[in-house]
Protein backbone atom coordinates (compact mmCIF):
# COMPACT_ATOMS: atom_id res chain seq x y z
CA UNK A 1 81.25 71.54 105.50
CA UNK A 2 83.98 69.69 103.66
CA UNK A 3 86.27 67.27 105.43
CA UNK A 4 89.25 69.11 103.95
CA UNK A 5 91.18 70.85 106.67
CA UNK A 6 91.65 74.58 106.22
CA UNK A 7 94.73 76.67 106.87
CA UNK A 8 94.40 80.37 107.67
CA UNK A 9 97.03 82.96 106.73
CA UNK A 10 96.70 86.37 108.38
CA UNK A 11 98.65 89.02 106.48
CA UNK A 12 100.26 91.21 109.16
CA UNK A 13 103.63 92.19 107.70
CA UNK A 14 102.89 95.76 106.68
CA UNK A 15 104.45 98.83 108.32
CA UNK A 16 101.30 101.00 108.32
CA UNK A 17 103.19 104.25 107.73
CA UNK A 18 99.94 106.16 107.19
CA UNK A 19 99.07 105.54 110.83
CA UNK A 20 102.29 106.95 112.27
CA UNK A 21 103.02 107.66 115.10
CA UNK A 22 100.54 105.01 116.37
CA UNK A 23 102.25 102.26 114.36
CA UNK A 24 105.86 103.39 114.57
CA UNK A 25 106.53 100.88 117.35
CA UNK A 26 103.35 98.83 117.28
CA UNK A 27 101.95 96.70 114.41
CA UNK A 28 98.58 97.80 113.09
CA UNK A 29 96.78 94.45 113.72
CA UNK A 30 97.65 94.74 117.43
CA UNK A 31 96.15 98.20 117.80
CA UNK A 32 93.10 97.97 120.00
CA UNK A 33 89.59 98.36 118.65
CA UNK A 34 86.83 98.38 121.26
CA UNK A 35 89.42 97.34 123.86
CA UNK A 36 90.86 94.34 121.96
CA UNK A 37 93.59 93.96 119.33
CA UNK A 38 92.21 94.02 115.78
CA UNK A 39 93.59 90.55 115.13
CA UNK A 40 91.41 89.09 117.88
CA UNK A 41 88.27 90.43 116.22
CA UNK A 42 89.32 88.63 113.02
CA UNK A 43 90.03 85.37 114.85
CA UNK A 44 86.69 85.62 116.62
CA UNK A 45 84.94 85.60 113.23
CA UNK A 46 87.04 82.64 112.12
CA UNK A 47 85.98 80.65 115.23
CA UNK A 48 82.74 79.76 113.45
CA UNK A 49 84.54 77.83 110.69
CA UNK A 50 84.97 74.29 112.09
CA UNK A 51 87.53 72.89 109.62
CA UNK A 52 90.33 75.35 110.48
CA UNK A 53 93.26 73.41 111.93
CA UNK A 54 96.09 75.99 111.87
CA UNK A 55 96.48 79.76 111.78
CA UNK A 56 99.65 81.40 110.48
CA UNK A 57 100.32 85.04 111.31
CA UNK A 58 102.88 86.34 108.85
CA UNK A 59 104.70 89.46 110.03
CA UNK A 60 107.99 91.26 109.57
CA UNK A 61 111.14 91.07 111.68
CA UNK A 62 110.51 94.46 113.25
CA UNK A 63 107.21 93.33 114.78
CA UNK A 64 107.65 89.55 115.11
CA UNK A 65 108.37 89.89 118.84
CA UNK A 66 105.18 91.87 119.37
CA UNK A 67 103.08 89.14 117.80
CA UNK A 68 104.94 86.38 119.66
CA UNK A 69 104.20 88.12 122.97
CA UNK A 70 100.57 88.54 122.01
CA UNK A 71 100.26 84.89 120.97
CA UNK A 72 101.58 83.68 124.35
CA UNK A 73 98.57 85.19 126.08
CA UNK A 74 95.92 84.38 123.50
CA UNK A 75 94.09 81.06 123.47
CA UNK A 76 92.63 79.81 120.21
CA UNK A 77 91.12 76.43 119.41
CA UNK A 78 93.68 75.80 116.65
CA UNK A 79 97.46 76.31 116.82
CA UNK A 80 98.60 79.86 116.01
CA UNK A 81 102.09 80.17 114.53
CA UNK A 82 103.81 83.54 114.15
CA UNK A 83 106.02 83.58 111.04
CA UNK A 84 108.79 86.19 110.66
CA UNK A 85 109.41 87.05 107.00
CA UNK A 86 112.83 88.52 107.83
CA UNK A 87 112.21 92.05 106.50
CA UNK A 88 112.66 95.13 108.65
CA UNK A 89 111.66 98.16 106.57
CA UNK A 90 108.83 99.23 104.30
CA UNK A 91 111.35 99.39 101.45
CA UNK A 92 112.48 95.74 101.57
CA UNK A 93 109.10 94.17 102.42
CA UNK A 94 108.11 91.04 100.52
CA UNK A 95 104.58 92.23 99.75
CA UNK A 96 101.36 90.39 100.55
CA UNK A 97 101.72 87.71 97.87
CA UNK A 98 105.42 87.32 98.61
CA UNK A 99 104.50 86.81 102.27
CA UNK A 100 101.84 84.25 101.40
CA UNK A 101 104.39 82.27 99.39
CA UNK A 102 106.91 82.59 102.25
CA UNK A 103 104.44 81.11 104.75
CA UNK A 104 103.48 78.20 102.52
CA UNK A 105 107.10 77.32 101.77
CA UNK A 106 108.58 77.85 105.25
CA UNK A 107 105.74 76.00 107.00
CA UNK A 108 105.58 73.17 104.43
CA UNK A 109 101.96 73.87 103.51
CA UNK A 110 101.21 71.91 100.37
CA UNK A 111 98.00 71.59 98.37
CA UNK A 112 95.49 72.55 101.05
CA UNK A 113 92.50 74.86 101.26
CA UNK A 114 93.54 78.30 102.51
CA UNK A 115 91.67 81.31 103.85
CA UNK A 116 93.67 84.53 103.62
CA UNK A 117 92.68 87.58 105.65
CA UNK A 118 94.30 91.01 105.69
CA UNK A 119 95.28 91.79 109.28
CA UNK A 120 93.84 95.32 109.16
CA UNK A 121 90.45 94.10 108.00
CA UNK A 122 87.57 94.45 110.45
CA UNK A 123 84.17 92.92 109.71
CA UNK A 124 81.26 91.06 111.23
CA UNK A 125 80.50 88.84 108.22
CA UNK A 126 79.31 85.27 108.63
CA UNK A 127 82.40 83.34 107.55
CA UNK A 128 80.68 79.95 107.55
CA UNK A 129 78.48 81.25 104.73
CA UNK A 130 81.55 82.57 102.92
CA UNK A 131 83.34 79.21 103.15
CA UNK A 132 80.27 77.20 102.12
CA UNK A 133 79.78 79.46 99.11
CA UNK A 134 83.46 79.23 98.21
CA UNK A 135 83.44 75.45 98.40
CA UNK A 136 80.66 75.30 95.80
CA UNK A 137 82.97 77.10 93.35
CA UNK A 138 85.81 74.58 93.61
CA UNK A 139 88.32 74.41 91.89
CA UNK A 140 88.13 78.19 91.53
CA UNK A 141 89.40 80.73 94.05
CA UNK A 142 86.86 83.09 95.62
CA UNK A 143 87.24 86.56 97.04
CA UNK A 144 84.81 88.34 99.31
CA UNK A 145 83.26 91.52 97.96
CA UNK A 146 81.40 94.26 99.77
CA UNK A 147 79.07 96.74 98.12
CA UNK A 148 80.30 100.21 99.09
CA UNK A 149 77.19 101.63 97.32
CA UNK A 150 78.75 104.82 95.95
CA UNK A 151 80.96 105.20 92.86
CA UNK A 152 83.02 107.91 94.58
CA UNK A 153 83.78 105.53 97.46
CA UNK A 154 84.58 102.73 94.98
CA UNK A 155 87.52 104.76 93.66
CA UNK A 156 89.41 103.97 96.89
CA UNK A 157 89.35 100.16 96.52
CA UNK A 158 90.00 97.21 94.29
CA UNK A 159 86.73 96.92 92.36
CA UNK A 160 85.19 93.87 90.70
CA UNK A 161 82.95 93.64 87.70
CA UNK A 162 81.13 90.29 87.79
CA UNK A 163 78.64 88.31 85.73
CA UNK A 164 75.28 86.94 86.91
CA UNK A 165 77.01 83.90 88.45
CA UNK A 166 79.46 86.01 90.45
CA UNK A 167 82.41 85.22 88.17
CA UNK A 168 84.96 88.02 88.02
CA UNK A 169 85.14 89.65 84.61
CA UNK A 170 87.40 92.51 85.61
CA UNK A 171 89.48 93.54 88.63
CA UNK A 172 90.56 97.17 88.78
CA UNK A 173 92.69 98.73 91.52
CA UNK A 174 91.32 102.15 92.60
CA UNK A 175 89.72 102.89 89.23
CA UNK A 176 88.90 106.45 88.15
CA UNK A 177 85.69 105.16 86.58
CA UNK A 178 84.53 102.16 88.65
CA UNK A 179 82.50 99.61 86.64
CA UNK A 180 80.67 98.66 89.86
CA UNK A 181 80.66 99.35 93.59
CA UNK A 182 81.76 95.84 94.60
CA UNK A 183 84.99 96.21 96.57
CA UNK A 184 87.44 93.42 97.34
CA UNK A 185 87.56 93.33 101.14
CA UNK A 186 90.77 91.54 102.05
CA UNK A 187 89.28 88.06 102.46
CA UNK A 188 90.21 85.28 100.05
CA UNK A 189 89.61 81.55 99.56
CA UNK A 190 92.30 79.62 97.71
CA UNK A 191 91.28 75.96 97.28
CA UNK A 192 93.96 73.30 97.20
CA UNK A 193 93.60 73.01 93.43
CA UNK A 194 95.18 76.47 93.03
CA UNK A 195 98.38 75.75 95.00
CA UNK A 196 100.60 75.37 91.94
CA UNK A 197 99.23 78.58 90.42
CA UNK A 198 100.86 80.74 93.08
CA UNK A 199 104.28 79.32 92.27
CA UNK A 200 103.66 79.89 88.56
CA UNK A 201 102.54 83.47 89.19
CA UNK A 202 105.68 84.38 91.15
CA UNK A 203 108.04 82.43 88.89
CA UNK A 204 106.80 84.53 85.98
CA UNK A 205 108.01 87.69 87.72
CA UNK A 206 104.58 89.08 88.53
CA UNK A 207 103.91 91.72 91.21
CA UNK A 208 104.26 90.23 94.71
CA UNK A 209 102.88 93.21 96.61
CA UNK A 210 99.10 93.73 96.65
CA UNK A 211 96.77 90.69 96.61
CA UNK A 212 94.73 92.39 93.88
CA UNK A 213 97.49 91.75 91.32
CA UNK A 214 97.32 88.01 91.97
CA UNK A 215 93.50 88.03 91.95
CA UNK A 216 93.49 89.81 88.59
CA UNK A 217 95.93 87.24 87.21
CA UNK A 218 93.77 84.39 88.51
CA UNK A 219 90.69 85.93 86.91
CA UNK A 220 92.48 86.20 83.55
CA UNK A 221 94.28 82.84 83.52
CA UNK A 222 92.26 80.42 85.64
CA UNK A 223 88.93 81.87 86.70
CA UNK A 224 87.89 83.71 89.86
CA UNK A 225 84.54 83.95 91.65
CA UNK A 226 83.20 86.42 94.18
CA UNK A 227 81.05 86.08 97.29
CA UNK A 228 79.11 89.18 98.39
CA UNK A 229 79.07 89.70 102.15
CA UNK A 230 76.60 91.57 104.32
CA UNK A 231 77.35 93.40 107.55
CA UNK A 232 79.97 95.90 108.62
CA UNK A 233 83.39 96.20 107.03
CA UNK A 234 86.24 98.57 107.83
CA UNK A 235 89.50 98.78 105.92
CA UNK A 236 91.80 100.36 108.51
CA UNK A 237 94.10 102.52 106.42
CA UNK A 238 94.41 105.78 108.28
CA UNK A 239 93.65 107.43 111.60
CA UNK A 240 90.12 108.41 110.59
CA UNK A 241 89.10 104.87 109.61
CA UNK A 242 90.74 103.51 112.77
CA UNK A 243 88.79 105.90 115.01
CA UNK A 244 85.55 105.13 113.18
CA UNK A 245 86.01 101.37 113.59
CA UNK A 246 86.92 101.75 117.25
CA UNK A 247 83.74 103.73 117.88
CA UNK A 248 81.47 101.42 115.87
CA UNK A 249 82.78 98.17 117.34
CA UNK A 250 82.47 99.58 120.84
CA UNK A 251 78.74 100.03 120.25
CA UNK A 252 77.85 96.76 118.56
């Protein structure tokens, strides 16, 4: 592993309206799966990456207290900081990329390697392999992809078309005619060399909501690679996917 220290940003500022009433007064990443909050399953996977020296949990003002209470009772080998982005409704949210920028600026994170994980993202991937693969692609960013196998399923996700080296040729959000079945699965590596690109992206007035917009921009302007991951992956978007993940993780 590299001697560069790694910062982790967990994106937990959504309002999860599709999971109401479960998430009306409880943030989605703190919903329990197999008896533990989702966020703890994510952190458990990150335990294997030795160079992580700080975890930032970015959330909204409505749920900041929930995460602060959770953090008081959770022990992790690196400091965990809950960051309140100041928003309190789905309508005035900053968006995932806006939140990422907010964390980096408010916490004085400069040019450092960053792992970004969506807080509603459940998986049992080997993250040491992901990081090692990503580091070989420096100075390019890398996003994890998961083969959903079926074109009909691919219509629900951000889909990547890649070349033989894993370089992203195209990123399409929920395409009607998917060029592949490789789905972006809410796990990203941004090496320190890309730090200034985020500022440039936002300063140009680009979409600050879904990470896919930024990934597409990176692919078109800088270069973006992918890392295919094996194992189980659940994108918790609705009650059905939540119940499925709860059942599957309870029987691992």
